[in-house]
C-alpha atoms as a PDB file:
ATOM      1  CA  UNK A   1      -7.239   7.290   3.771  1.00  0.00           C
ATOM      2  CA  UNK A   2      -5.411   3.919   1.804  1.00  0.00           C
ATOM      3  CA  UNK A   3      -2.479   3.058   4.229  1.00  0.00           C
ATOM      4  CA  UNK A   4      -2.154   2.111   7.775  1.00  0.00           C
ATOM      5  CA  UNK A   5      -0.121   2.622  10.877  1.00  0.00           C
ATOM      6  CA  UNK A   6       3.006  -0.065  10.197  1.00  0.00           C
ATOM      7  CA  UNK A   7       2.716  -0.102   6.292  1.00  0.00           C
ATOM      8  CA  UNK A   8       5.419  -0.288   4.168  1.00  0.00           C
ATOM      9  CA  UNK A   9       5.279   2.481   0.872  1.00  0.00           C
ATOM     10  CA  UNK A  10       7.790   3.454  -1.472  1.00  0.00           C
ATOM     11  CA  UNK A  11       8.243   7.844  -2.097  1.00  0.00           C
ATOM     12  CA  UNK A  12       7.777   8.208  -5.803  1.00  0.00           C
ATOM     13  CA  UNK A  13      10.844   9.609  -8.047  1.00  0.00           C
ATOM     14  CA  UNK A  14      11.962  13.049  -7.404  1.00  0.00           C
ATOM     15  CA  UNK A  15      11.865  13.567 -11.539  1.00  0.00           C
ATOM     16  CA  UNK A  16       8.279  12.347 -11.712  1.00  0.00           C
ATOM     17  CA  UNK A  17       7.144  14.281  -8.769  1.00  0.00           C
ATOM     18  CA  UNK A  18       8.709  17.350 -10.379  1.00  0.00           C
ATOM     19  CA  UNK A  19       7.191  16.687 -13.867  1.00  0.00           C
ATOM     20  CA  UNK A  20       3.985  16.482 -12.412  1.00  0.00           C
ATOM     21  CA  UNK A  21       3.608  18.639 -10.132  1.00  0.00           C
ATOM     22  CA  UNK A  22       6.438  21.713 -10.917  1.00  0.00           C
ATOM     23  CA  UNK A  23       8.871  23.204  -8.278  1.00  0.00           C
ATOM     24  CA  UNK A  24       8.311  26.906  -7.075  1.00  0.00           C
ATOM     25  CA  UNK A  25      10.918  29.189  -7.091  1.00  0.00           C
ATOM     26  CA  UNK A  26      12.854  27.527  -3.714  1.00  0.00           C
ATOM     27  CA  UNK A  27      13.022  24.615  -5.138  1.00  0.00           C
ATOM     28  CA  UNK A  28       9.726  22.793  -3.427  1.00  0.00           C
ATOM     29  CA  UNK A  29       6.893  21.236  -4.210  1.00  0.00           C
ATOM     30  CA  UNK A  30       3.997  23.357  -2.794  1.00  0.00           C
ATOM     31  CA  UNK A  31       0.853  21.928  -4.115  1.00  0.00           C
ATOM     32  CA  UNK A  32       1.631  18.797  -2.074  1.00  0.00           C
ATOM     33  CA  UNK A  33       3.677  20.198   0.573  1.00  0.00           C
ATOM     34  CA  UNK A  34       6.859  18.488  -0.156  1.00  0.00           C
ATOM     35  CA  UNK A  35      10.302  20.397   0.564  1.00  0.00           C
ATOM     36  CA  UNK A  36      13.129  19.899  -1.177  1.00  0.00           C
ATOM     37  CA  UNK A  37      14.400  18.396   1.640  1.00  0.00           C
ATOM     38  CA  UNK A  38      12.400  15.566   1.931  1.00  0.00           C
ATOM     39  CA  UNK A  39      14.096  15.251  -1.829  1.00  0.00           C
ATOM     40  CA  UNK A  40      16.656  12.235   0.036  1.00  0.00           C
ATOM     41  CA  UNK A  41      13.499  10.183   0.581  1.00  0.00           C
ATOM     42  CA  UNK A  42      12.461   9.864  -3.242  1.00  0.00           C
ATOM     43  CA  UNK A  43      12.664   6.043  -4.341  1.00  0.00           C
ATOM     44  CA  UNK A  44      12.892   4.700  -0.875  1.00  0.00           C
ATOM     45  CA  UNK A  45      10.564   2.563   1.106  1.00  0.00           C
ATOM     46  CA  UNK A  46       9.657   3.838   4.413  1.00  0.00           C
ATOM     47  CA  UNK A  47       6.881   2.901   7.036  1.00  0.00           C
ATOM     48  CA  UNK A  48       3.866   4.516   8.122  1.00  0.00           C
ATOM     49  CA  UNK A  49       3.835   5.865  11.847  1.00  0.00           C
ATOM     50  CA  UNK A  50       1.107   7.798  11.933  1.00  0.00           C
ATOM     51  CA  UNK A  51      -2.265   9.253  10.693  1.00  0.00           C
ATOM     52  CA  UNK A  52      -3.758  12.643  10.509  1.00  0.00           C
ATOM     53  CA  UNK A  53      -7.116  11.636   9.198  1.00  0.00           C
ATOM     54  CA  UNK A  54      -8.370  15.331   9.458  1.00  0.00           C
ATOM     55  CA  UNK A  55      -5.878  16.739   7.002  1.00  0.00           C
ATOM     56  CA  UNK A  56      -5.505  13.406   4.679  1.00  0.00           C
ATOM     57  CA  UNK A  57      -1.528  13.411   5.663  1.00  0.00           C
ATOM     58  CA  UNK A  58       1.286  11.000   7.410  1.00  0.00           C
ATOM     59  CA  UNK A  59       4.147  10.705   9.456  1.00  0.00           C
ATOM     60  CA  UNK A  60       6.545   8.052   8.729  1.00  0.00           C
ATOM     61  CA  UNK A  61       8.953   6.369  10.583  1.00  0.00           C
ATOM     62  CA  UNK A  62      12.421   7.394   8.932  1.00  0.00           C
ATOM     63  CA  UNK A  63      12.263  10.760   9.163  1.00  0.00           C
ATOM     64  CA  UNK A  64      11.530  10.777  13.202  1.00  0.00           C
ATOM     65  CA  UNK A  65       8.016  12.138  12.079  1.00  0.00           C
ATOM     66  CA  UNK A  66       9.670  15.478  11.253  1.00  0.00           C
ATOM     67  CA  UNK A  67       7.190  16.259   8.196  1.00  0.00           C
ATOM     68  CA  UNK A  68       4.182  15.265   6.617  1.00  0.00           C
ATOM     69  CA  UNK A  69       3.514  13.358   4.108  1.00  0.00           C
ATOM     70  CA  UNK A  70       0.589  13.181   1.391  1.00  0.00           C
ATOM     71  CA  UNK A  71      -0.735  10.608  -0.519  1.00  0.00           C
ATOM     72  CA  UNK A  72       0.495  11.832  -4.063  1.00  0.00           C
ATOM     73  CA  UNK A  73       3.839  11.356  -3.059  1.00  0.00           C
ATOM     74  CA  UNK A  74       3.467   7.199  -2.511  1.00  0.00           C
ATOM     75  CA  UNK A  75       3.957   4.989  -5.300  1.00  0.00           C
ATOM     76  CA  UNK A  76       2.481   2.664  -3.692  1.00  0.00           C
ATOM     77  CA  UNK A  77       3.152  -0.224  -1.188  1.00  0.00           C
ATOM     78  CA  UNK A  78       6.284  -2.244  -0.923  1.00  0.00           C
ATOM     79  CA  UNK A  79       6.844  -5.407  -0.368  1.00  0.00           C
ATOM     80  CA  UNK A  80       9.440  -7.961   0.740  1.00  0.00           C
ATOM     81  CA  UNK A  81      10.792 -10.052  -2.072  1.00  0.00           C
ATOM     82  CA  UNK A  82       9.065 -13.691  -1.197  1.00  0.00           C
ATOM     83  CA  UNK A  83       6.414 -12.033   0.029  1.00  0.00           C
ATOM     84  CA  UNK A  84       3.116 -13.310  -0.082  1.00  0.00           C
ATOM     85  CA  UNK A  85       0.173  -9.897  -1.058  1.00  0.00           C
ATOM     86  CA  UNK A  86      -2.468  -9.246  -2.985  1.00  0.00           C
ATOM     87  CA  UNK A  87      -2.776  -8.090  -6.811  1.00  0.00           C
ATOM     88  CA  UNK A  88      -5.587  -6.976  -8.941  1.00  0.00           C
ATOM     89  CA  UNK A  89      -5.346  -5.272 -12.535  1.00  0.00           C
ATOM     90  CA  UNK A  90      -8.550  -3.842 -12.073  1.00  0.00           C
ATOM     91  CA  UNK A  91      -8.770  -3.346  -7.743  1.00  0.00           C
ATOM     92  CA  UNK A  92     -11.647  -5.416  -7.999  1.00  0.00           C
ATOM     93  CA  UNK A  93     -11.233  -9.174  -8.435  1.00  0.00           C
ATOM     94  CA  UNK A  94      -7.874  -9.833  -6.145  1.00  0.00           C
ATOM     95  CA  UNK A  95      -5.484 -12.521  -5.967  1.00  0.00           C
ATOM     96  CA  UNK A  96      -2.637 -13.680  -3.580  1.00  0.00           C
ATOM     97  CA  UNK A  97       0.334 -14.213  -5.357  1.00  0.00           C
ATOM     98  CA  UNK A  98       4.469 -14.293  -4.259  1.00  0.00           C
ATOM     99  CA  UNK A  99       6.460 -10.868  -4.580  1.00  0.00           C
ATOM    100  CA  UNK A 100       9.273 -11.040  -6.262  1.00  0.00           C
ATOM    101  CA  UNK A 101       9.882  -7.557  -7.805  1.00  0.00           C
ATOM    102  CA  UNK A 102       8.715  -4.025  -8.784  1.00  0.00           C
ATOM    103  CA  UNK A 103       9.487  -1.922 -11.966  1.00  0.00           C
ATOM    104  CA  UNK A 104       9.507   1.561 -10.983  1.00  0.00           C
ATOM    105  CA  UNK A 105       6.986   3.244 -13.686  1.00  0.00           C
ATOM    106  CA  UNK A 106       5.816   0.346 -15.922  1.00  0.00           C
ATOM    107  CA  UNK A 107       2.449  -0.042 -16.709  1.00  0.00           C
ATOM    108  CA  UNK A 108       2.433  -3.463 -14.257  1.00  0.00           C
ATOM    109  CA  UNK A 109       4.740  -2.736 -11.996  1.00  0.00           C
ATOM    110  CA  UNK A 110       4.130  -5.614  -9.519  1.00  0.00           C
ATOM    111  CA  UNK A 111       6.285  -8.503 -10.581  1.00  0.00           C
ATOM    112  CA  UNK A 112       4.708 -11.339  -8.907  1.00  0.00           C
ATOM    113  CA  UNK A 113       5.353 -15.497  -9.128  1.00  0.00           C
ATOM    114  CA  UNK A 114       2.724 -16.939 -11.477  1.00  0.00           C
ATOM    115  CA  UNK A 115       0.014 -19.382  -9.888  1.00  0.00           C
ATOM    116  CA  UNK A 116       1.117 -22.882 -10.101  1.00  0.00           C
ATOM    117  CA  UNK A 117       4.371 -21.792  -9.675  1.00  0.00           C
ATOM    118  CA  UNK A 118       4.690 -21.344  -6.463  1.00  0.00           C
ATOM    119  CA  UNK A 119       6.737 -24.891  -5.646  1.00  0.00           C
ATOM    120  CA  UNK A 120       9.207 -24.436  -7.736  1.00  0.00           C
ATOM    121  CA  UNK A 121       9.792 -20.551  -6.450  1.00  0.00           C
ATOM    122  CA  UNK A 122       9.895 -22.382  -2.950  1.00  0.00           C
ATOM    123  CA  UNK A 123      12.694 -24.793  -3.828  1.00  0.00           C
ATOM    124  CA  UNK A 124      14.989 -22.216  -5.771  1.00  0.00           C
ATOM    125  CA  UNK A 125      13.892 -23.785  -9.322  1.00  0.00           C
ATOM    126  CA  UNK A 126      13.137 -21.475 -12.496  1.00  0.00           C
ATOM    127  CA  UNK A 127       9.209 -19.976 -12.499  1.00  0.00           C
ATOM    128  CA  UNK A 128       7.002 -17.744 -14.171  1.00  0.00           C
ATOM    129  CA  UNK A 129       6.806 -14.436 -13.024  1.00  0.00           C
ATOM    130  CA  UNK A 130       3.549 -11.909 -14.069  1.00  0.00           C
ATOM    131  CA  UNK A 131       3.255  -8.007 -13.407  1.00  0.00           C
ATOM    132  CA  UNK A 132       0.063  -6.388 -11.769  1.00  0.00           C
ATOM    133  CA  UNK A 133      -1.150  -3.068 -11.761  1.00  0.00           C
ATOM    134  CA  UNK A 134      -2.424  -2.905  -8.048  1.00  0.00           C
ATOM    135  CA  UNK A 135      -1.133  -4.611  -4.908  1.00  0.00           C
ATOM    136  CA  UNK A 136      -1.729  -4.337  -1.508  1.00  0.00           C
ATOM    137  CA  UNK A 137      -1.032  -6.209   1.986  1.00  0.00           C
ATOM    138  CA  UNK A 138      -3.468  -9.582   2.477  1.00  0.00           C
ATOM    139  CA  UNK A 139      -6.638  -8.527   3.492  1.00  0.00           C
ATOM    140  CA  UNK A 140      -8.299  -9.824   6.400  1.00  0.00           C
ATOM    141  CA  UNK A 141     -11.491 -11.362   5.971  1.00  0.00           C
ATOM    142  CA  UNK A 142     -13.889 -12.460   8.401  1.00  0.00           C
ATOM    143  CA  UNK A 143     -17.188 -15.006   7.661  1.00  0.00           C
ATOM    144  CA  UNK A 144     -19.947 -14.259   9.948  1.00  0.00           C
ATOM    145  CA  UNK A 145     -23.349 -16.181   9.779  1.00  0.00           C
ATOM    146  CA  UNK A 146     -26.895 -14.214   9.026  1.00  0.00           C
ATOM    147  CA  UNK A 147     -29.904 -16.322   9.151  1.00  0.00           C
ATOM    148  CA  UNK A 148     -27.693 -19.848   8.702  1.00  0.00           C
ATOM    149  CA  UNK A 149     -25.669 -18.259   5.663  1.00  0.00           C
ATOM    150  CA  UNK A 150     -22.235 -17.946   5.862  1.00  0.00           C
ATOM    151  CA  UNK A 151     -21.252 -14.488   4.638  1.00  0.00           C
ATOM    152  CA  UNK A 152     -17.299 -13.493   3.959  1.00  0.00           C
ATOM    153  CA  UNK A 153     -16.899  -9.843   4.808  1.00  0.00           C
ATOM    154  CA  UNK A 154     -13.615  -7.443   4.972  1.00  0.00           C
ATOM    155  CA  UNK A 155     -11.772  -6.053   8.300  1.00  0.00           C
ATOM    156  CA  UNK A 156     -12.780  -3.049   8.143  1.00  0.00           C
ATOM    157  CA  UNK A 157     -16.100  -3.954   7.955  1.00  0.00           C
ATOM    158  CA  UNK A 158     -15.811  -6.318  10.701  1.00  0.00           C
ATOM    159  CA  UNK A 159     -14.228  -3.621  12.541  1.00  0.00           C
ATOM    160  CA  UNK A 160     -16.953  -1.067  11.978  1.00  0.00           C
ATOM    161  CA  UNK A 161     -19.871  -4.188  12.875  1.00  0.00           C
ATOM    162  CA  UNK A 162     -18.323  -4.760  15.843  1.00  0.00           C
ATOM    163  CA  UNK A 163     -18.291  -0.572  16.708  1.00  0.00           C
ATOM    164  CA  UNK A 164     -21.492  -0.667  16.301  1.00  0.00           C
ATOM    165  CA  UNK A 165     -22.606  -3.498  18.213  1.00  0.00           C
ATOM    166  CA  UNK A 166     -20.654  -2.714  21.369  1.00  0.00           C
ATOM    167  CA  UNK A 167     -22.716   0.811  21.289  1.00  0.00           C
ATOM    168  CA  UNK A 168     -25.541  -0.653  21.133  1.00  0.00           C
ATOM    169  CA  UNK A 169     -24.869  -2.794  24.096  1.00  0.00           C
ATOM    170  CA  UNK A 170     -23.442   0.238  26.180  1.00  0.00           C
ATOM    171  CA  UNK A 171     -26.701   2.242  25.617  1.00  0.00           C
END
């Protein structure tokens, strides 16, 4: 699953959901488990509270865990103004940038300070921005050494390696 507990995400706009999935006779969108009562959260930033990995669904804090939410309902991560995030246009190469905005429906919706303009941004001066297709929270990285060679791995890979090593030590 893409999101973790504590992640801030933005719920898609009602019109976009309705256009893509079509309403049933009750005004719900059954294909993605979206009830018309959930409409009040459209366009808002919410916090992932719980994850149900068996059924690929989430619960959010803002509705006190009342409904289940599926990834199709989320536009993506939601970030604070000035937060440092990772951005990419191909989801393969990521770089850190300062978030300054989000444009709903744009092909490059995440607006960030251009590399080299960070000092201007922090000093309150004019700065240049650029749009990005994808964004995510900064991914924690770990460096491990194998045969004297340093290798950088993701937090997820690090945790899996750690679990497998702990399993070997117990057995």
